[in-house]
Full PDB file with SEQRES, HELIX, SHEET, SSBOND, CRYST1, ORIGX, SCALE, CONECT and MASTER records, all heavy atoms in Angstrom:
SEQRES   1 A   35  TRP ALA ASP PRO ASN VAL GLU ARG ASN ILE HIS ARG ILE          
SEQRES   2 A   35  GLU VAL ASP ALA ASP SER ALA SER PHE SER MET GLU ILE          
SEQRES   3 A   35  GLN ASN ILE PRO THR GLU ASN PRO LYS                          
SHEET    1 AA1 2 ASN A   9  ASP A  16  0                                        
SHEET    2 AA1 2 SER A  21  ASN A  28 -1                                        
CRYST1    1.000    1.000    1.000  90.00  90.00  90.00 P 1           1          
ORIGX1      1.000000  0.000000  0.000000        0.00000                         
ORIGX2      0.000000  1.000000  0.000000        0.00000                         
ORIGX3      0.000000  0.000000  1.000000        0.00000                         
SCALE1      1.000000  0.000000  0.000000        0.00000                         
SCALE2      0.000000  1.000000  0.000000        0.00000                         
SCALE3      0.000000  0.000000  1.000000        0.00000                         
ATOM      1  N   TRP A   1      85.493  90.676 131.575  1.00  0.00           N  
ATOM      2  CA  TRP A   1      85.116  92.081 131.400  1.00  0.00           C  
ATOM      3  C   TRP A   1      85.507  92.902 132.643  1.00  0.00           C  
ATOM      4  O   TRP A   1      85.222  92.522 133.692  1.00  0.00           O  
ATOM      5  CB  TRP A   1      83.594  92.150 131.123  1.00  0.00           C  
ATOM      6  CG  TRP A   1      83.139  91.541 129.872  1.00  0.00           C  
ATOM      7  CD1 TRP A   1      83.129  90.214 129.477  1.00  0.00           C  
ATOM      8  CD2 TRP A   1      82.559  92.224 128.669  1.00  0.00           C  
ATOM      9  NE1 TRP A   1      82.518  90.094 128.324  1.00  0.00           N  
ATOM     10  CE2 TRP A   1      82.268  91.331 127.757  1.00  0.00           C  
ATOM     11  CE3 TRP A   1      82.372  93.666 128.459  1.00  0.00           C  
ATOM     12  CZ2 TRP A   1      81.776  91.606 126.503  1.00  0.00           C  
ATOM     13  CZ3 TRP A   1      81.886  94.006 127.189  1.00  0.00           C  
ATOM     14  CH2 TRP A   1      81.652  93.016 126.218  1.00  0.00           C  
ATOM     15  N   ALA A   2      86.055  93.995 132.304  1.00  0.00           N  
ATOM     16  CA  ALA A   2      86.203  95.157 133.321  1.00  0.00           C  
ATOM     17  C   ALA A   2      84.941  95.958 133.301  1.00  0.00           C  
ATOM     18  O   ALA A   2      84.593  96.483 132.282  1.00  0.00           O  
ATOM     19  CB  ALA A   2      87.439  95.969 133.076  1.00  0.00           C  
ATOM     20  N   ASP A   3      84.195  96.093 134.430  1.00  0.00           N  
ATOM     21  CA  ASP A   3      82.958  96.711 134.332  1.00  0.00           C  
ATOM     22  C   ASP A   3      82.953  97.821 135.556  1.00  0.00           C  
ATOM     23  O   ASP A   3      82.873  97.510 136.643  1.00  0.00           O  
ATOM     24  CB  ASP A   3      81.842  95.748 134.600  1.00  0.00           C  
ATOM     25  CG  ASP A   3      80.489  96.344 134.418  1.00  0.00           C  
ATOM     26  OD1 ASP A   3      80.276  97.575 134.426  1.00  0.00           O  
ATOM     27  OD2 ASP A   3      79.615  95.566 133.999  1.00  0.00           O  
ATOM     28  N   PRO A   4      82.919  99.124 135.168  1.00  0.00           N  
ATOM     29  CA  PRO A   4      82.895 100.107 136.227  1.00  0.00           C  
ATOM     30  C   PRO A   4      81.628 100.220 136.906  1.00  0.00           C  
ATOM     31  O   PRO A   4      81.368 101.021 137.881  1.00  0.00           O  
ATOM     32  CB  PRO A   4      83.318 101.422 135.494  1.00  0.00           C  
ATOM     33  CG  PRO A   4      82.626 101.186 134.035  1.00  0.00           C  
ATOM     34  CD  PRO A   4      82.945  99.651 133.843  1.00  0.00           C  
ATOM     35  N   ASN A   5      80.571  99.492 136.460  1.00  0.00           N  
ATOM     36  CA  ASN A   5      79.197  99.646 136.932  1.00  0.00           C  
ATOM     37  C   ASN A   5      78.837  98.534 138.032  1.00  0.00           C  
ATOM     38  O   ASN A   5      77.754  98.577 138.606  1.00  0.00           O  
ATOM     39  CB  ASN A   5      78.188  99.633 135.891  1.00  0.00           C  
ATOM     40  CG  ASN A   5      78.370 100.616 134.798  1.00  0.00           C  
ATOM     41  OD1 ASN A   5      78.635 101.904 135.153  1.00  0.00           O  
ATOM     42  ND2 ASN A   5      78.350 100.362 133.546  1.00  0.00           N  
ATOM     43  N   VAL A   6      79.814  97.654 138.313  1.00  0.00           N  
ATOM     44  CA  VAL A   6      79.561  96.582 139.155  1.00  0.00           C  
ATOM     45  C   VAL A   6      80.505  96.831 140.440  1.00  0.00           C  
ATOM     46  O   VAL A   6      81.628  97.299 140.343  1.00  0.00           O  
ATOM     47  CB  VAL A   6      79.701  95.174 138.686  1.00  0.00           C  
ATOM     48  CG1 VAL A   6      78.713  95.090 137.467  1.00  0.00           C  
ATOM     49  CG2 VAL A   6      81.157  94.955 138.200  1.00  0.00           C  
ATOM     50  N   GLU A   7      80.069  96.309 141.549  1.00  0.00           N  
ATOM     51  CA  GLU A   7      80.782  96.312 142.840  1.00  0.00           C  
ATOM     52  C   GLU A   7      81.152  94.897 143.305  1.00  0.00           C  
ATOM     53  O   GLU A   7      81.935  94.711 144.216  1.00  0.00           O  
ATOM     54  CB  GLU A   7      80.038  97.029 143.915  1.00  0.00           C  
ATOM     55  CG  GLU A   7      79.801  98.513 143.555  1.00  0.00           C  
ATOM     56  CD  GLU A   7      79.134  99.247 144.747  1.00  0.00           C  
ATOM     57  OE1 GLU A   7      78.732  98.577 145.627  1.00  0.00           O  
ATOM     58  OE2 GLU A   7      78.964 100.519 144.598  1.00  0.00           O  
ATOM     59  N   ARG A   8      80.659  93.903 142.665  1.00  0.00           N  
ATOM     60  CA  ARG A   8      80.911  92.549 142.935  1.00  0.00           C  
ATOM     61  C   ARG A   8      81.590  91.763 141.820  1.00  0.00           C  
ATOM     62  O   ARG A   8      81.650  92.175 140.704  1.00  0.00           O  
ATOM     63  CB  ARG A   8      79.611  91.828 143.308  1.00  0.00           C  
ATOM     64  CG  ARG A   8      78.886  92.468 144.507  1.00  0.00           C  
ATOM     65  CD  ARG A   8      77.678  91.655 144.890  1.00  0.00           C  
ATOM     66  NE  ARG A   8      76.997  92.209 146.056  1.00  0.00           N  
ATOM     67  CZ  ARG A   8      76.086  91.729 146.722  1.00  0.00           C  
ATOM     68  NH1 ARG A   8      75.582  90.545 146.282  1.00  0.00           N  
ATOM     69  NH2 ARG A   8      75.533  92.353 147.754  1.00  0.00           N  
ATOM     70  N   ASN A   9      82.340  90.654 142.137  1.00  0.00           N  
ATOM     71  CA  ASN A   9      82.961  89.818 141.153  1.00  0.00           C  
ATOM     72  C   ASN A   9      81.881  88.870 140.750  1.00  0.00           C  
ATOM     73  O   ASN A   9      81.313  88.007 141.431  1.00  0.00           O  
ATOM     74  CB  ASN A   9      84.039  89.047 141.827  1.00  0.00           C  
ATOM     75  CG  ASN A   9      85.157  89.956 142.375  1.00  0.00           C  
ATOM     76  OD1 ASN A   9      85.450  91.054 141.738  1.00  0.00           O  
ATOM     77  ND2 ASN A   9      85.740  89.609 143.449  1.00  0.00           N  
ATOM     78  N   ILE A  10      81.473  88.863 139.395  1.00  0.00           N  
ATOM     79  CA  ILE A  10      80.306  88.190 138.816  1.00  0.00           C  
ATOM     80  C   ILE A  10      80.872  87.069 137.895  1.00  0.00           C  
ATOM     81  O   ILE A  10      81.602  87.395 136.944  1.00  0.00           O  
ATOM     82  CB  ILE A  10      79.421  89.096 138.229  1.00  0.00           C  
ATOM     83  CG1 ILE A  10      78.909  90.165 139.033  1.00  0.00           C  
ATOM     84  CG2 ILE A  10      78.232  88.220 137.587  1.00  0.00           C  
ATOM     85  CD1 ILE A  10      78.019  91.323 138.353  1.00  0.00           C  
ATOM     86  N   HIS A  11      80.450  85.831 138.207  1.00  0.00           N  
ATOM     87  CA  HIS A  11      80.899  84.777 137.291  1.00  0.00           C  
ATOM     88  C   HIS A  11      79.629  84.008 136.801  1.00  0.00           C  
ATOM     89  O   HIS A  11      78.742  83.751 137.607  1.00  0.00           O  
ATOM     90  CB  HIS A  11      81.767  83.782 138.019  1.00  0.00           C  
ATOM     91  CG  HIS A  11      82.992  84.359 138.740  1.00  0.00           C  
ATOM     92  ND1 HIS A  11      83.974  84.930 138.107  1.00  0.00           N  
ATOM     93  CD2 HIS A  11      83.269  84.430 140.003  1.00  0.00           C  
ATOM     94  CE1 HIS A  11      84.851  85.363 138.905  1.00  0.00           C  
ATOM     95  NE2 HIS A  11      84.386  85.153 140.050  1.00  0.00           N  
ATOM     96  N   ARG A  12      79.533  83.989 135.434  1.00  0.00           N  
ATOM     97  CA  ARG A  12      78.323  83.260 134.828  1.00  0.00           C  
ATOM     98  C   ARG A  12      78.982  82.052 133.984  1.00  0.00           C  
ATOM     99  O   ARG A  12      79.881  82.285 133.163  1.00  0.00           O  
ATOM    100  CB  ARG A  12      77.450  84.088 133.941  1.00  0.00           C  
ATOM    101  CG  ARG A  12      76.335  83.311 133.240  1.00  0.00           C  
ATOM    102  CD  ARG A  12      75.413  84.237 132.589  1.00  0.00           C  
ATOM    103  NE  ARG A  12      74.281  83.489 132.157  1.00  0.00           N  
ATOM    104  CZ  ARG A  12      73.248  83.087 132.812  1.00  0.00           C  
ATOM    105  NH1 ARG A  12      73.160  83.395 134.084  1.00  0.00           N  
ATOM    106  NH2 ARG A  12      72.266  82.392 132.240  1.00  0.00           N  
ATOM    107  N   ILE A  13      78.305  80.968 134.255  1.00  0.00           N  
ATOM    108  CA  ILE A  13      78.847  79.601 133.616  1.00  0.00           C  
ATOM    109  C   ILE A  13      77.667  79.030 132.803  1.00  0.00           C  
ATOM    110  O   ILE A  13      76.510  78.929 133.383  1.00  0.00           O  
ATOM    111  CB  ILE A  13      79.251  78.640 134.669  1.00  0.00           C  
ATOM    112  CG1 ILE A  13      80.433  79.302 135.595  1.00  0.00           C  
ATOM    113  CG2 ILE A  13      79.777  77.323 134.170  1.00  0.00           C  
ATOM    114  CD1 ILE A  13      80.672  78.612 136.910  1.00  0.00           C  
ATOM    115  N   GLU A  14      77.914  78.567 131.762  1.00  0.00           N  
ATOM    116  CA  GLU A  14      76.928  77.774 130.856  1.00  0.00           C  
ATOM    117  C   GLU A  14      77.648  76.514 130.407  1.00  0.00           C  
ATOM    118  O   GLU A  14      78.695  76.457 129.889  1.00  0.00           O  
ATOM    119  CB  GLU A  14      76.521  78.617 129.719  1.00  0.00           C  
ATOM    120  CG  GLU A  14      75.858  79.904 130.019  1.00  0.00           C  
ATOM    121  CD  GLU A  14      75.320  80.702 128.862  1.00  0.00           C  
ATOM    122  OE1 GLU A  14      75.567  80.155 127.744  1.00  0.00           O  
ATOM    123  OE2 GLU A  14      74.749  81.713 129.025  1.00  0.00           O  
ATOM    124  N   VAL A  15      76.938  75.365 130.662  1.00  0.00           N  
ATOM    125  CA  VAL A  15      77.357  74.016 130.453  1.00  0.00           C  
ATOM    126  C   VAL A  15      76.389  73.298 129.530  1.00  0.00           C  
ATOM    127  O   VAL A  15      75.141  73.324 129.892  1.00  0.00           O  
ATOM    128  CB  VAL A  15      77.671  73.246 131.727  1.00  0.00           C  
ATOM    129  CG1 VAL A  15      78.082  71.905 131.370  1.00  0.00           C  
ATOM    130  CG2 VAL A  15      78.667  73.923 132.565  1.00  0.00           C  
ATOM    131  N   ASP A  16      76.906  72.746 128.548  1.00  0.00           N  
ATOM    132  CA  ASP A  16      75.983  71.803 127.644  1.00  0.00           C  
ATOM    133  C   ASP A  16      76.569  70.490 127.600  1.00  0.00           C  
ATOM    134  O   ASP A  16      77.677  70.296 127.216  1.00  0.00           O  
ATOM    135  CB  ASP A  16      75.972  72.372 126.174  1.00  0.00           C  
ATOM    136  CG  ASP A  16      75.082  71.553 125.263  1.00  0.00           C  
ATOM    137  OD1 ASP A  16      74.079  70.972 125.917  1.00  0.00           O  
ATOM    138  OD2 ASP A  16      75.291  71.414 124.186  1.00  0.00           O  
ATOM    139  N   ALA A  17      75.823  69.533 128.114  1.00  0.00           N  
ATOM    140  CA  ALA A  17      76.351  68.066 128.318  1.00  0.00           C  
ATOM    141  C   ALA A  17      75.234  67.053 127.783  1.00  0.00           C  
ATOM    142  O   ALA A  17      74.137  67.533 127.708  1.00  0.00           O  
ATOM    143  CB  ALA A  17      76.859  67.785 129.690  1.00  0.00           C  
ATOM    144  N   ASP A  18      75.706  65.791 127.731  1.00  0.00           N  
ATOM    145  CA  ASP A  18      74.765  64.806 127.281  1.00  0.00           C  
ATOM    146  C   ASP A  18      73.783  64.555 128.368  1.00  0.00           C  
ATOM    147  O   ASP A  18      72.656  63.905 128.092  1.00  0.00           O  
ATOM    148  CB  ASP A  18      75.424  63.587 126.698  1.00  0.00           C  
ATOM    149  CG  ASP A  18      76.259  62.869 127.799  1.00  0.00           C  
ATOM    150  OD1 ASP A  18      76.460  63.435 128.911  1.00  0.00           O  
ATOM    151  OD2 ASP A  18      76.681  61.683 127.462  1.00  0.00           O  
ATOM    152  N   SER A  19      74.125  64.901 129.581  1.00  0.00           N  
ATOM    153  CA  SER A  19      73.260  64.513 130.762  1.00  0.00           C  
ATOM    154  C   SER A  19      72.392  65.756 131.175  1.00  0.00           C  
ATOM    155  O   SER A  19      71.321  65.588 131.881  1.00  0.00           O  
ATOM    156  CB  SER A  19      74.129  64.110 131.846  1.00  0.00           C  
ATOM    157  OG  SER A  19      75.104  65.110 132.294  1.00  0.00           O  
ATOM    158  N   ALA A  20      72.822  66.919 130.858  1.00  0.00           N  
ATOM    159  CA  ALA A  20      72.084  68.091 131.308  1.00  0.00           C  
ATOM    160  C   ALA A  20      72.626  69.306 130.667  1.00  0.00           C  
ATOM    161  O   ALA A  20      73.857  69.364 130.276  1.00  0.00           O  
ATOM    162  CB  ALA A  20      72.199  68.241 132.834  1.00  0.00           C  
ATOM    163  N   SER A  21      71.835  70.349 130.465  1.00  0.00           N  
ATOM    164  CA  SER A  21      72.365  71.622 130.183  1.00  0.00           C  
ATOM    165  C   SER A  21      72.026  72.666 131.350  1.00  0.00           C  
ATOM    166  O   SER A  21      70.904  72.616 131.774  1.00  0.00           O  
ATOM    167  CB  SER A  21      71.567  72.156 128.783  1.00  0.00           C  
ATOM    168  OG  SER A  21      72.170  71.304 127.809  1.00  0.00           O  
ATOM    169  N   PHE A  22      72.898  73.367 131.738  1.00  0.00           N  
ATOM    170  CA  PHE A  22      72.615  74.268 132.792  1.00  0.00           C  
ATOM    171  C   PHE A  22      73.523  75.607 132.796  1.00  0.00           C  
ATOM    172  O   PHE A  22      74.487  75.616 132.287  1.00  0.00           O  
ATOM    173  CB  PHE A  22      72.863  73.619 134.237  1.00  0.00           C  
ATOM    174  CG  PHE A  22      74.117  72.821 134.347  1.00  0.00           C  
ATOM    175  CD1 PHE A  22      75.143  73.374 134.953  1.00  0.00           C  
ATOM    176  CD2 PHE A  22      74.315  71.588 133.957  1.00  0.00           C  
ATOM    177  CE1 PHE A  22      76.417  72.716 135.245  1.00  0.00           C  
ATOM    178  CE2 PHE A  22      75.504  70.804 134.123  1.00  0.00           C  
ATOM    179  CZ  PHE A  22      76.537  71.509 134.745  1.00  0.00           C  
ATOM    180  N   SER A  23      72.891  76.588 133.401  1.00  0.00           N  
ATOM    181  CA  SER A  23      73.671  77.878 133.481  1.00  0.00           C  
ATOM    182  C   SER A  23      73.611  78.265 135.061  1.00  0.00           C  
ATOM    183  O   SER A  23      72.688  78.023 135.790  1.00  0.00           O  
ATOM    184  CB  SER A  23      73.002  78.951 132.769  1.00  0.00           C  
ATOM    185  OG  SER A  23      71.727  79.117 133.005  1.00  0.00           O  
ATOM    186  N   MET A  24      74.623  79.063 135.532  1.00  0.00           N  
ATOM    187  CA  MET A  24      74.714  79.438 136.833  1.00  0.00           C  
ATOM    188  C   MET A  24      75.463  80.869 136.911  1.00  0.00           C  
ATOM    189  O   MET A  24      76.239  81.228 136.002  1.00  0.00           O  
ATOM    190  CB  MET A  24      75.661  78.376 137.771  1.00  0.00           C  
ATOM    191  CG  MET A  24      75.212  77.002 137.590  1.00  0.00           C  
ATOM    192  SD  MET A  24      76.492  75.928 138.181  1.00  0.00           S  
ATOM    193  CE  MET A  24      77.658  75.972 136.915  1.00  0.00           C  
ATOM    194  N   GLU A  25      75.012  81.651 137.837  1.00  0.00           N  
ATOM    195  CA  GLU A  25      75.724  82.982 138.185  1.00  0.00           C  
ATOM    196  C   GLU A  25      75.873  83.242 139.563  1.00  0.00           C  
ATOM    197  O   GLU A  25      74.999  82.962 140.358  1.00  0.00           O  
ATOM    198  CB  GLU A  25      74.850  84.016 137.479  1.00  0.00           C  
ATOM    199  CG  GLU A  25      75.548  85.368 137.665  1.00  0.00           C  
ATOM    200  CD  GLU A  25      74.775  86.529 136.884  1.00  0.00           C  
ATOM    201  OE1 GLU A  25      74.690  86.562 135.664  1.00  0.00           O  
ATOM    202  OE2 GLU A  25      74.230  87.379 137.690  1.00  0.00           O  
ATOM    203  N   ILE A  26      77.020  83.675 139.861  1.00  0.00           N  
ATOM    204  CA  ILE A  26      77.370  83.928 141.303  1.00  0.00           C  
ATOM    205  C   ILE A  26      77.851  85.420 141.354  1.00  0.00           C  
ATOM    206  O   ILE A  26      78.733  85.742 140.454  1.00  0.00           O  
ATOM    207  CB  ILE A  26      78.241  83.184 142.004  1.00  0.00           C  
ATOM    208  CG1 ILE A  26      78.454  83.321 143.442  1.00  0.00           C  
ATOM    209  CG2 ILE A  26      79.682  83.054 141.262  1.00  0.00           C  
ATOM    210  CD1 ILE A  26      79.111  82.232 144.235  1.00  0.00           C  
ATOM    211  N   GLN A  27      77.482  86.209 142.343  1.00  0.00           N  
ATOM    212  CA  GLN A  27      78.055  87.566 142.603  1.00  0.00           C  
ATOM    213  C   GLN A  27      78.608  87.665 143.879  1.00  0.00           C  
ATOM    214  O   GLN A  27      77.960  87.625 144.850  1.00  0.00           O  
ATOM    215  CB  GLN A  27      76.767  88.645 142.466  1.00  0.00           C  
ATOM    216  CG  GLN A  27      76.128  88.531 141.062  1.00  0.00           C  
ATOM    217  CD  GLN A  27      75.140  89.710 140.917  1.00  0.00           C  
ATOM    218  OE1 GLN A  27      75.178  90.622 141.722  1.00  0.00           O  
ATOM    219  NE2 GLN A  27      74.243  89.587 139.992  1.00  0.00           N  
ATOM    220  N   ASN A  28      79.956  87.537 143.806  1.00  0.00           N  
ATOM    221  CA  ASN A  28      80.736  87.536 145.205  1.00  0.00           C  
ATOM    222  C   ASN A  28      81.045  88.916 145.716  1.00  0.00           C  
ATOM    223  O   ASN A  28      81.496  89.731 144.874  1.00  0.00           O  
ATOM    224  CB  ASN A  28      82.029  86.836 144.780  1.00  0.00           C  
ATOM    225  CG  ASN A  28      81.740  85.366 144.541  1.00  0.00           C  
ATOM    226  OD1 ASN A  28      80.836  84.795 144.999  1.00  0.00           O  
ATOM    227  ND2 ASN A  28      82.518  84.777 143.597  1.00  0.00           N  
ATOM    228  N   ILE A  29      80.962  89.184 146.935  1.00  0.00           N  
ATOM    229  CA  ILE A  29      81.355  90.337 147.634  1.00  0.00           C  
ATOM    230  C   ILE A  29      82.760  90.255 147.967  1.00  0.00           C  
ATOM    231  O   ILE A  29      83.161  89.353 148.525  1.00  0.00           O  
ATOM    232  CB  ILE A  29      80.504  90.341 149.023  1.00  0.00           C  
ATOM    233  CG1 ILE A  29      78.975  90.502 148.670  1.00  0.00           C  
ATOM    234  CG2 ILE A  29      80.947  91.691 149.719  1.00  0.00           C  
ATOM    235  CD1 ILE A  29      78.113  90.535 149.902  1.00  0.00           C  
ATOM    236  N   PRO A  30      83.567  91.281 147.417  1.00  0.00           N  
ATOM    237  CA  PRO A  30      84.996  91.288 147.572  1.00  0.00           C  
ATOM    238  C   PRO A  30      85.368  91.500 149.050  1.00  0.00           C  
ATOM    239  O   PRO A  30      84.629  91.927 149.837  1.00  0.00           O  
ATOM    240  CB  PRO A  30      85.474  92.490 146.809  1.00  0.00           C  
ATOM    241  CG  PRO A  30      84.405  92.785 145.796  1.00  0.00           C  
ATOM    242  CD  PRO A  30      83.071  92.404 146.575  1.00  0.00           C  
ATOM    243  N   THR A  31      86.525  90.885 149.353  1.00  0.00           N  
ATOM    244  CA  THR A  31      87.215  91.208 150.683  1.00  0.00           C  
ATOM    245  C   THR A  31      87.847  92.569 150.545  1.00  0.00           C  
ATOM    246  O   THR A  31      87.762  93.355 149.639  1.00  0.00           O  
ATOM    247  CB  THR A  31      88.210  90.160 150.993  1.00  0.00           C  
ATOM    248  OG1 THR A  31      89.249  90.233 150.003  1.00  0.00           O  
ATOM    249  CG2 THR A  31      87.516  88.778 151.003  1.00  0.00           C  
ATOM    250  N   GLU A  32      88.658  92.862 151.548  1.00  0.00           N  
ATOM    251  CA  GLU A  32      89.436  94.142 151.531  1.00  0.00           C  
ATOM    252  C   GLU A  32      90.466  93.969 150.398  1.00  0.00           C  
ATOM    253  O   GLU A  32      90.958  94.994 150.027  1.00  0.00           O  
ATOM    254  CB  GLU A  32      90.253  94.335 152.798  1.00  0.00           C  
ATOM    255  CG  GLU A  32      91.243  93.140 153.289  1.00  0.00           C  
ATOM    256  CD  GLU A  32      90.632  91.980 153.901  1.00  0.00           C  
ATOM    257  OE1 GLU A  32      89.402  91.997 154.051  1.00  0.00           O  
ATOM    258  OE2 GLU A  32      91.388  91.104 154.340  1.00  0.00           O  
ATOM    259  N   ASN A  33      90.723  92.737 149.930  1.00  0.00           N  
ATOM    260  CA  ASN A  33      91.514  92.659 148.629  1.00  0.00           C  
ATOM    261  C   ASN A  33      90.548  92.458 147.513  1.00  0.00           C  
ATOM    262  O   ASN A  33      89.892  91.433 147.443  1.00  0.00           O  
ATOM    263  CB  ASN A  33      92.300  91.370 148.838  1.00  0.00           C  
ATOM    264  CG  ASN A  33      93.146  90.964 147.384  1.00  0.00           C  
ATOM    265  OD1 ASN A  33      93.021  91.749 146.516  1.00  0.00           O  
ATOM    266  ND2 ASN A  33      93.788  89.945 147.481  1.00  0.00           N  
ATOM    267  N   PRO A  34      90.396  93.446 146.664  1.00  0.00           N  
ATOM    268  CA  PRO A  34      89.402  93.429 145.556  1.00  0.00           C  
ATOM    269  C   PRO A  34      89.498  92.340 144.614  1.00  0.00           C  
ATOM    270  O   PRO A  34      88.547  92.094 143.840  1.00  0.00           O  
ATOM    271  CB  PRO A  34      89.528  94.775 144.941  1.00  0.00           C  
ATOM    272  CG  PRO A  34      90.984  95.192 145.174  1.00  0.00           C  
ATOM    273  CD  PRO A  34      91.323  94.605 146.599  1.00  0.00           C  
ATOM    274  N   LYS A  35      90.669  91.604 144.688  1.00  0.00           N  
ATOM    275  CA  LYS A  35      90.883  90.556 143.671  1.00  0.00           C  
ATOM    276  C   LYS A  35      90.166  89.265 144.067  1.00  0.00           C  
ATOM    277  O   LYS A  35      90.073  88.313 143.232  1.00  0.00           O  
ATOM    278  CB  LYS A  35      92.271  90.320 143.459  1.00  0.00           C  
ATOM    279  CG  LYS A  35      93.107  91.415 142.764  1.00  0.00           C  
ATOM    280  CD  LYS A  35      94.541  91.057 142.581  1.00  0.00           C  
ATOM    281  CE  LYS A  35      95.339  92.168 141.738  1.00  0.00           C  
ATOM    282  NZ  LYS A  35      95.287  93.472 142.469  1.00  0.00           N  
TER     283      LYS A  35                                                      
MASTER        0    0    0    0    2    0    0    6  282    1    0    3          
END                                                                             
């Protein structure tokens, strides 16, 4: 998603496995290179 309302790179992960189900989110502060 391209989001004009965020200033950080946000990654959300959802995993469903036979050993565990888990979700994670990280909001990364960009460097001088916004990528």
